[in-house]
């Protein structure tokens, strides 16, 4: 199973997310870490929206245990997404990205959760759409974080270049 996902994971990185990151880098001037952090931030906002309605209902109904569990789940999800964002910032721009292999189980779980969320035959309320957006942006952040950083462009110094005609 891991071997099958490894090939799918490599195809997603090389054929979808690496060209997307190259496009973002070329036209937006944004680094790999900044793009992944931005997606993690959007996932955090979507997580707050997806948990907000149930937490609000528990508070208005004076359901102390439901409000406590909802608040703990909200904080737990935000802590996980914030630590993911911190890890993206700390991962250096090295030639071999350590997050590509280290985060493979995380990408597998998030993709599985995303597929399971898409298959569920439910009516899509605001919380459901926000939950789907959170999973989509979390998966995007994990994949953008796994891409390779482009090498820096080397520019020739014109100060010592020979001037033609002199």
C-alpha atoms as a PDB file:
ATOM      1  CA  UNK A   1       0.000   0.000   0.000  1.00  0.00           C
ATOM      2  CA  UNK A   2       2.804   2.398   0.867  1.00  0.00           C
ATOM      3  CA  UNK A   3       4.535   1.680  -2.433  1.00  0.00           C
ATOM      4  CA  UNK A   4       1.332   2.456  -4.344  1.00  0.00           C
ATOM      5  CA  UNK A   5       0.814   5.722  -2.504  1.00  0.00           C
ATOM      6  CA  UNK A   6       4.468   6.627  -2.943  1.00  0.00           C
ATOM      7  CA  UNK A   7       4.115   6.541  -6.721  1.00  0.00           C
ATOM      8  CA  UNK A   8       0.847   8.530  -6.598  1.00  0.00           C
ATOM      9  CA  UNK A   9       2.473  10.993  -4.209  1.00  0.00           C
ATOM     10  CA  UNK A  10       5.442  11.490  -6.526  1.00  0.00           C
ATOM     11  CA  UNK A  11       3.156  12.035  -9.511  1.00  0.00           C
ATOM     12  CA  UNK A  12       1.138  14.636  -7.598  1.00  0.00           C
ATOM     13  CA  UNK A  13       4.284  16.461  -6.534  1.00  0.00           C
ATOM     14  CA  UNK A  14       6.092  16.362  -9.881  1.00  0.00           C
ATOM     15  CA  UNK A  15       3.170  16.833 -12.271  1.00  0.00           C
ATOM     16  CA  UNK A  16       0.786  19.082 -10.355  1.00  0.00           C
ATOM     17  CA  UNK A  17       2.275  20.888  -7.386  1.00  0.00           C
ATOM     18  CA  UNK A  18       5.838  21.519  -8.603  1.00  0.00           C
ATOM     19  CA  UNK A  19       4.618  23.267 -11.797  1.00  0.00           C
ATOM     20  CA  UNK A  20       2.072  25.174  -9.692  1.00  0.00           C
ATOM     21  CA  UNK A  21       4.822  26.284  -7.307  1.00  0.00           C
ATOM     22  CA  UNK A  22       7.059  27.275 -10.220  1.00  0.00           C
ATOM     23  CA  UNK A  23       4.216  29.373 -11.620  1.00  0.00           C
ATOM     24  CA  UNK A  24       3.603  31.016  -8.240  1.00  0.00           C
ATOM     25  CA  UNK A  25       7.318  31.675  -7.844  1.00  0.00           C
ATOM     26  CA  UNK A  26       7.708  33.123 -11.341  1.00  0.00           C
ATOM     27  CA  UNK A  27       4.667  35.385 -11.376  1.00  0.00           C
ATOM     28  CA  UNK A  28       4.130  36.085  -7.701  1.00  0.00           C
ATOM     29  CA  UNK A  29       7.686  36.134  -6.440  1.00  0.00           C
ATOM     30  CA  UNK A  30       6.650  33.959  -3.497  1.00  0.00           C
ATOM     31  CA  UNK A  31       8.914  31.270  -2.088  1.00  0.00           C
ATOM     32  CA  UNK A  32       7.927  27.668  -1.434  1.00  0.00           C
ATOM     33  CA  UNK A  33       7.719  28.248   2.313  1.00  0.00           C
ATOM     34  CA  UNK A  34       5.599  31.380   1.922  1.00  0.00           C
ATOM     35  CA  UNK A  35       3.152  29.632  -0.419  1.00  0.00           C
ATOM     36  CA  UNK A  36       2.843  26.648   1.934  1.00  0.00           C
ATOM     37  CA  UNK A  37       2.409  28.961   4.945  1.00  0.00           C
ATOM     38  CA  UNK A  38      -0.297  30.899   3.109  1.00  0.00           C
ATOM     39  CA  UNK A  39      -2.217  27.673   2.423  1.00  0.00           C
ATOM     40  CA  UNK A  40      -1.819  26.657   6.079  1.00  0.00           C
ATOM     41  CA  UNK A  41      -3.214  30.054   7.121  1.00  0.00           C
ATOM     42  CA  UNK A  42      -6.250  29.619   4.851  1.00  0.00           C
ATOM     43  CA  UNK A  43      -6.726  26.111   6.276  1.00  0.00           C
ATOM     44  CA  UNK A  44      -6.639  27.591   9.800  1.00  0.00           C
ATOM     45  CA  UNK A  45      -9.321  30.130   8.926  1.00  0.00           C
ATOM     46  CA  UNK A  46     -11.460  27.416   7.340  1.00  0.00           C
ATOM     47  CA  UNK A  47     -11.005  25.276  10.477  1.00  0.00           C
ATOM     48  CA  UNK A  48     -12.282  28.134  12.648  1.00  0.00           C
ATOM     49  CA  UNK A  49     -15.320  28.586  10.389  1.00  0.00           C
ATOM     50  CA  UNK A  50     -16.038  24.841  10.305  1.00  0.00           C
ATOM     51  CA  UNK A  51     -15.964  24.532  14.105  1.00  0.00           C
ATOM     52  CA  UNK A  52     -17.610  27.880  14.882  1.00  0.00           C
ATOM     53  CA  UNK A  53     -21.246  26.919  14.382  1.00  0.00           C
ATOM     54  CA  UNK A  54     -21.177  23.801  16.577  1.00  0.00           C
ATOM     55  CA  UNK A  55     -19.214  25.628  19.285  1.00  0.00           C
ATOM     56  CA  UNK A  56     -21.644  28.536  19.153  1.00  0.00           C
ATOM     57  CA  UNK A  57     -24.639  26.197  19.415  1.00  0.00           C
ATOM     58  CA  UNK A  58     -23.126  24.424  22.420  1.00  0.00           C
ATOM     59  CA  UNK A  59     -22.528  27.724  24.194  1.00  0.00           C
ATOM     60  CA  UNK A  60     -26.027  29.102  23.508  1.00  0.00           C
ATOM     61  CA  UNK A  61     -27.623  25.845  24.687  1.00  0.00           C
ATOM     62  CA  UNK A  62     -25.556  25.924  27.905  1.00  0.00           C
ATOM     63  CA  UNK A  63     -24.040  22.557  27.007  1.00  0.00           C
ATOM     64  CA  UNK A  64     -20.810  22.739  29.022  1.00  0.00           C
ATOM     65  CA  UNK A  65     -19.347  19.408  27.911  1.00  0.00           C
ATOM     66  CA  UNK A  66     -20.130  20.069  24.232  1.00  0.00           C
ATOM     67  CA  UNK A  67     -18.643  23.582  24.457  1.00  0.00           C
ATOM     68  CA  UNK A  68     -15.525  22.264  26.172  1.00  0.00           C
ATOM     69  CA  UNK A  69     -15.015  19.472  23.611  1.00  0.00           C
ATOM     70  CA  UNK A  70     -15.671  21.884  20.743  1.00  0.00           C
ATOM     71  CA  UNK A  71     -13.187  24.390  22.144  1.00  0.00           C
ATOM     72  CA  UNK A  72     -10.547  21.704  22.680  1.00  0.00           C
ATOM     73  CA  UNK A  73     -11.022  20.432  19.109  1.00  0.00           C
ATOM     74  CA  UNK A  74     -10.739  23.981  17.782  1.00  0.00           C
ATOM     75  CA  UNK A  75      -7.508  24.585  19.707  1.00  0.00           C
ATOM     76  CA  UNK A  76      -6.091  21.194  18.788  1.00  0.00           C
ATOM     77  CA  UNK A  77      -6.656  21.796  15.071  1.00  0.00           C
ATOM     78  CA  UNK A  78      -5.234  25.313  15.243  1.00  0.00           C
ATOM     79  CA  UNK A  79      -2.190  24.041  17.130  1.00  0.00           C
ATOM     80  CA  UNK A  80      -1.569  21.373  14.495  1.00  0.00           C
ATOM     81  CA  UNK A  81      -1.892  23.832  11.617  1.00  0.00           C
ATOM     82  CA  UNK A  82       0.283  26.414  13.371  1.00  0.00           C
ATOM     83  CA  UNK A  83       3.015  23.865  14.041  1.00  0.00           C
ATOM     84  CA  UNK A  84       2.815  22.810  10.387  1.00  0.00           C
ATOM     85  CA  UNK A  85       3.269  26.448   9.375  1.00  0.00           C
ATOM     86  CA  UNK A  86       6.270  26.778  11.691  1.00  0.00           C
ATOM     87  CA  UNK A  87       7.824  23.669  10.204  1.00  0.00           C
ATOM     88  CA  UNK A  88       7.453  25.072   6.679  1.00  0.00           C
ATOM     89  CA  UNK A  89       9.236  28.260   7.707  1.00  0.00           C
ATOM     90  CA  UNK A  90      12.088  26.366   9.386  1.00  0.00           C
ATOM     91  CA  UNK A  91      12.698  23.927   6.540  1.00  0.00           C
ATOM     92  CA  UNK A  92      15.606  25.444   4.684  1.00  0.00           C
ATOM     93  CA  UNK A  93      15.947  25.924   0.981  1.00  0.00           C
ATOM     94  CA  UNK A  94      18.209  22.934   0.553  1.00  0.00           C
ATOM     95  CA  UNK A  95      18.540  20.888  -2.603  1.00  0.00           C
ATOM     96  CA  UNK A  96      16.953  17.822  -1.016  1.00  0.00           C
ATOM     97  CA  UNK A  97      13.749  18.798   0.748  1.00  0.00           C
ATOM     98  CA  UNK A  98      13.447  16.747   3.976  1.00  0.00           C
ATOM     99  CA  UNK A  99       9.686  17.315   4.076  1.00  0.00           C
ATOM    100  CA  UNK A 100       9.134  15.289   0.925  1.00  0.00           C
ATOM    101  CA  UNK A 101       9.744  11.940   2.611  1.00  0.00           C
ATOM    102  CA  UNK A 102       9.029  12.927   6.211  1.00  0.00           C
ATOM    103  CA  UNK A 103       5.543  14.255   5.522  1.00  0.00           C
ATOM    104  CA  UNK A 104       4.405  11.432   3.221  1.00  0.00           C
ATOM    105  CA  UNK A 105       2.197   9.756   5.880  1.00  0.00           C
ATOM    106  CA  UNK A 106       0.603  13.124   6.647  1.00  0.00           C
ATOM    107  CA  UNK A 107      -0.180  13.713   2.986  1.00  0.00           C
ATOM    108  CA  UNK A 108      -1.684  10.224   2.744  1.00  0.00           C
ATOM    109  CA  UNK A 109      -3.965  10.829   5.728  1.00  0.00           C
ATOM    110  CA  UNK A 110      -5.104  14.250   4.543  1.00  0.00           C
ATOM    111  CA  UNK A 111      -5.829  12.929   1.036  1.00  0.00           C
ATOM    112  CA  UNK A 112      -7.767  10.019   2.514  1.00  0.00           C
ATOM    113  CA  UNK A 113      -9.774  12.412   4.686  1.00  0.00           C
ATOM    114  CA  UNK A 114     -10.405  14.654   1.673  1.00  0.00           C
ATOM    115  CA  UNK A 115     -11.668  11.770  -0.448  1.00  0.00           C
ATOM    116  CA  UNK A 116     -13.846  10.510   2.422  1.00  0.00           C
ATOM    117  CA  UNK A 117     -15.279  14.004   2.856  1.00  0.00           C
ATOM    118  CA  UNK A 118     -16.094  14.254  -0.850  1.00  0.00           C
ATOM    119  CA  UNK A 119     -17.828  10.872  -0.885  1.00  0.00           C
ATOM    120  CA  UNK A 120     -20.118  11.595   2.077  1.00  0.00           C
ATOM    121  CA  UNK A 121     -23.668  12.159   0.845  1.00  0.00           C
ATOM    122  CA  UNK A 122     -24.570  15.105   3.041  1.00  0.00           C
ATOM    123  CA  UNK A 123     -26.120  18.435   2.478  1.00  0.00           C
ATOM    124  CA  UNK A 124     -23.395  20.996   2.318  1.00  0.00           C
ATOM    125  CA  UNK A 125     -23.858  23.615   5.003  1.00  0.00           C
ATOM    126  CA  UNK A 126     -21.344  26.372   5.679  1.00  0.00           C
ATOM    127  CA  UNK A 127     -19.489  24.181   8.187  1.00  0.00           C
ATOM    128  CA  UNK A 128     -19.250  21.332   5.663  1.00  0.00           C
ATOM    129  CA  UNK A 129     -17.898  23.590   2.919  1.00  0.00           C
ATOM    130  CA  UNK A 130     -15.424  25.123   5.383  1.00  0.00           C
ATOM    131  CA  UNK A 131     -14.315  21.646   6.471  1.00  0.00           C
ATOM    132  CA  UNK A 132     -13.776  20.688   2.830  1.00  0.00           C
ATOM    133  CA  UNK A 133     -11.825  23.920   2.246  1.00  0.00           C
ATOM    134  CA  UNK A 134      -9.687  23.213   5.314  1.00  0.00           C
ATOM    135  CA  UNK A 135      -8.781  19.753   4.038  1.00  0.00           C
ATOM    136  CA  UNK A 136      -8.087  21.060   0.527  1.00  0.00           C
ATOM    137  CA  UNK A 137      -5.804  23.845   1.707  1.00  0.00           C
ATOM    138  CA  UNK A 138      -4.079  21.587   4.248  1.00  0.00           C
ATOM    139  CA  UNK A 139      -3.320  19.074   1.492  1.00  0.00           C
ATOM    140  CA  UNK A 140      -2.120  21.885  -0.776  1.00  0.00           C
ATOM    141  CA  UNK A 141       0.131  23.217   1.993  1.00  0.00           C
ATOM    142  CA  UNK A 142       1.610  19.758   2.584  1.00  0.00           C
ATOM    143  CA  UNK A 143       2.297  19.259  -1.111  1.00  0.00           C
ATOM    144  CA  UNK A 144       3.699  22.743  -1.701  1.00  0.00           C
ATOM    145  CA  UNK A 145       5.936  22.243   1.336  1.00  0.00           C
ATOM    146  CA  UNK A 146       7.236  19.004  -0.205  1.00  0.00           C
ATOM    147  CA  UNK A 147       8.211  20.589  -3.515  1.00  0.00           C
ATOM    148  CA  UNK A 148      11.789  21.480  -4.326  1.00  0.00           C
ATOM    149  CA  UNK A 149      12.887  25.069  -4.107  1.00  0.00           C
ATOM    150  CA  UNK A 150      14.160  26.491  -7.372  1.00  0.00           C
ATOM    151  CA  UNK A 151      17.861  27.253  -7.393  1.00  0.00           C
ATOM    152  CA  UNK A 152      18.730  30.935  -7.165  1.00  0.00           C
ATOM    153  CA  UNK A 153      19.332  32.769 -10.423  1.00  0.00           C
ATOM    154  CA  UNK A 154      22.978  33.701 -10.842  1.00  0.00           C
ATOM    155  CA  UNK A 155      23.581  37.037 -12.437  1.00  0.00           C
ATOM    156  CA  UNK A 156      26.849  38.042 -13.972  1.00  0.00           C
ATOM    157  CA  UNK A 157      28.453  41.095 -12.535  1.00  0.00           C
ATOM    158  CA  UNK A 158      28.689  43.817 -15.172  1.00  0.00           C
ATOM    159  CA  UNK A 159      31.256  45.837 -13.214  1.00  0.00           C
ATOM    160  CA  UNK A 160      34.203  43.811 -14.550  1.00  0.00           C
ATOM    161  CA  UNK A 161      32.761  42.863 -17.927  1.00  0.00           C
ATOM    162  CA  UNK A 162      34.640  44.037 -20.973  1.00  0.00           C
ATOM    163  CA  UNK A 163      32.909  46.821 -22.837  1.00  0.00           C
ATOM    164  CA  UNK A 164      32.787  46.113 -26.594  1.00  0.00           C
ATOM    165  CA  UNK A 165      34.513  48.666 -28.774  1.00  0.00           C
ATOM    166  CA  UNK A 166      37.103  49.900 -26.247  1.00  0.00           C
END
